Amino acid sequence: MDMTIDAIHQAYRDGKLSPHKLIDEVLKRAATYTDRNIWITLLSREAIQPYLDNLIGQSPDKLPLYGIPFAIKDNIELAGVDVT
């Protein structure tokens, strides 16, 4: 899967992908690397759901980072997540 922003947005426009499906794939891939201690906190699908819900009715044509998954370094605060 091409994970560039342009490719993801095109897949959304073409109906081949949705942010919900992409997050499921990202979480599935992340789970295969738990032995490498990459993540201090890996949000669950349930914790990510409100962010996905906020995308309903939006599009990559209006939001440049629409549906693009990203990681937050552990020294940046996110409500409800511990900061080291």
C-alpha atoms as a PDB file:
ATOM      1  CA  MET A   1       0.000   0.000   0.000  1.00  0.00           C
ATOM      2  CA  ASP A   2       1.365   3.392  -1.009  1.00  0.00           C
ATOM      3  CA  MET A   3       1.210   5.427   2.203  1.00  0.00           C
ATOM      4  CA  THR A   4       2.060   8.828   0.756  1.00  0.00           C
ATOM      5  CA  ILE A   5      -0.444  11.596   1.454  1.00  0.00           C
ATOM      6  CA  ASP A   6      -1.231  11.995  -2.244  1.00  0.00           C
ATOM      7  CA  ALA A   7      -1.837   8.270  -2.707  1.00  0.00           C
ATOM      8  CA  ILE A   8      -4.029   8.011   0.386  1.00  0.00           C
ATOM      9  CA  HIS A   9      -6.103  11.015  -0.648  1.00  0.00           C
ATOM     10  CA  GLN A  10      -6.525   9.637  -4.157  1.00  0.00           C
ATOM     11  CA  ALA A  11      -7.666   6.294  -2.752  1.00  0.00           C
ATOM     12  CA  TYR A  12     -10.224   8.158  -0.617  1.00  0.00           C
ATOM     13  CA  ARG A  13     -11.479  10.095  -3.645  1.00  0.00           C
ATOM     14  CA  ASP A  14     -11.700   6.891  -5.708  1.00  0.00           C
ATOM     15  CA  GLY A  15     -13.645   5.139  -2.949  1.00  0.00           C
ATOM     16  CA  LYS A  16     -10.957   2.441  -2.651  1.00  0.00           C
ATOM     17  CA  LEU A  17     -10.154   3.400   0.927  1.00  0.00           C
ATOM     18  CA  SER A  18     -11.708   5.179   3.891  1.00  0.00           C
ATOM     19  CA  PRO A  19     -10.072   6.671   6.989  1.00  0.00           C
ATOM     20  CA  HIS A  20     -11.751   3.916   9.032  1.00  0.00           C
ATOM     21  CA  LYS A  21     -10.226   1.167   6.891  1.00  0.00           C
ATOM     22  CA  LEU A  22      -6.821   2.835   6.888  1.00  0.00           C
ATOM     23  CA  ILE A  23      -6.761   3.153  10.689  1.00  0.00           C
ATOM     24  CA  ASP A  24      -7.684  -0.518  11.014  1.00  0.00           C
ATOM     25  CA  GLU A  25      -4.741  -1.394   8.750  1.00  0.00           C
ATOM     26  CA  VAL A  26      -2.345   0.911  10.617  1.00  0.00           C
ATOM     27  CA  LEU A  27      -3.359  -0.564  13.978  1.00  0.00           C
ATOM     28  CA  LYS A  28      -2.975  -4.080  12.578  1.00  0.00           C
ATOM     29  CA  ARG A  29       0.532  -3.289  11.359  1.00  0.00           C
ATOM     30  CA  ALA A  30       1.497  -1.575  14.620  1.00  0.00           C
ATOM     31  CA  ALA A  31       0.391  -4.648  16.574  1.00  0.00           C
ATOM     32  CA  THR A  32       2.931  -6.778  14.706  1.00  0.00           C
ATOM     33  CA  TYR A  33       5.793  -4.694  16.154  1.00  0.00           C
ATOM     34  CA  THR A  34       4.937  -4.698  19.862  1.00  0.00           C
ATOM     35  CA  ASP A  35       8.166  -6.573  20.619  1.00  0.00           C
ATOM     36  CA  ARG A  36      10.172  -3.571  19.350  1.00  0.00           C
ATOM     37  CA  ASN A  37       8.795  -1.157  21.953  1.00  0.00           C
ATOM     38  CA  ILE A  38       8.093   1.533  19.364  1.00  0.00           C
ATOM     39  CA  TRP A  39       5.042   2.936  21.117  1.00  0.00           C
ATOM     40  CA  ILE A  40       4.731   4.147  24.682  1.00  0.00           C
ATOM     41  CA  THR A  41       0.985   4.488  24.132  1.00  0.00           C
ATOM     42  CA  LEU A  42      -0.833   3.021  21.167  1.00  0.00           C
ATOM     43  CA  LEU A  43      -4.374   4.338  21.023  1.00  0.00           C
ATOM     44  CA  SER A  44      -7.117   1.764  20.633  1.00  0.00           C
ATOM     45  CA  ARG A  45      -9.601   1.845  17.782  1.00  0.00           C
ATOM     46  CA  GLU A  46     -12.207   3.034  20.276  1.00  0.00           C
ATOM     47  CA  ALA A  47      -9.996   5.957  21.357  1.00  0.00           C
ATOM     48  CA  ILE A  48      -9.419   6.929  17.719  1.00  0.00           C
ATOM     49  CA  GLN A  49     -13.106   6.670  16.770  1.00  0.00           C
ATOM     50  CA  PRO A  50     -14.067  10.253  17.782  1.00  0.00           C
ATOM     51  CA  TYR A  51     -11.360  11.609  15.482  1.00  0.00           C
ATOM     52  CA  LEU A  52     -12.693   9.472  12.638  1.00  0.00           C
ATOM     53  CA  ASP A  53     -16.224  10.659  13.384  1.00  0.00           C
ATOM     54  CA  ASN A  54     -15.037  14.266  12.984  1.00  0.00           C
ATOM     55  CA  LEU A  55     -14.087  13.473   9.379  1.00  0.00           C
ATOM     56  CA  ILE A  56     -17.651  12.626   8.368  1.00  0.00           C
ATOM     57  CA  GLY A  57     -18.844  15.149   5.799  1.00  0.00           C
ATOM     58  CA  GLN A  58     -15.291  16.388   5.158  1.00  0.00           C
ATOM     59  CA  SER A  59     -12.948  15.591   2.281  1.00  0.00           C
ATOM     60  CA  PRO A  60      -9.274  15.694   1.352  1.00  0.00           C
ATOM     61  CA  ASP A  61     -10.134  18.571  -0.975  1.00  0.00           C
ATOM     62  CA  LYS A  62     -10.990  20.768   2.026  1.00  0.00           C
ATOM     63  CA  LEU A  63      -8.610  19.409   4.658  1.00  0.00           C
ATOM     64  CA  PRO A  64      -4.981  18.890   3.557  1.00  0.00           C
ATOM     65  CA  LEU A  65      -4.367  16.215   6.222  1.00  0.00           C
ATOM     66  CA  TYR A  66      -7.790  14.578   5.965  1.00  0.00           C
ATOM     67  CA  GLY A  67      -7.561  10.960   7.085  1.00  0.00           C
ATOM     68  CA  ILE A  68      -3.778  10.930   7.361  1.00  0.00           C
ATOM     69  CA  PRO A  69      -2.588   8.846  10.316  1.00  0.00           C
ATOM     70  CA  PHE A  70       0.326  10.174  12.332  1.00  0.00           C
ATOM     71  CA  ALA A  71       2.296   9.570  15.507  1.00  0.00           C
ATOM     72  CA  ILE A  72       2.722  12.061  18.315  1.00  0.00           C
ATOM     73  CA  LYS A  73       6.020  12.121  20.163  1.00  0.00           C
ATOM     74  CA  ASP A  74       5.587  11.344  23.844  1.00  0.00           C
ATOM     75  CA  ASN A  75       6.552  14.856  24.966  1.00  0.00           C
ATOM     76  CA  ILE A  76       3.558  16.395  23.167  1.00  0.00           C
ATOM     77  CA  GLU A  77       0.297  16.427  25.069  1.00  0.00           C
ATOM     78  CA  LEU A  78      -2.853  14.748  23.822  1.00  0.00           C
ATOM     79  CA  ALA A  79      -5.895  14.851  26.078  1.00  0.00           C
ATOM     80  CA  GLY A  80      -6.276  11.612  27.985  1.00  0.00           C
ATOM     81  CA  VAL A  81      -2.789  10.279  27.187  1.00  0.00           C
ATOM     82  CA  ASP A  82       0.103  10.305  29.654  1.00  0.00           C
ATOM     83  CA  VAL A  83       3.120  12.459  28.841  1.00  0.00           C
ATOM     84  CA  THR A  84       6.594  11.278  29.735  1.00  0.00           C
END
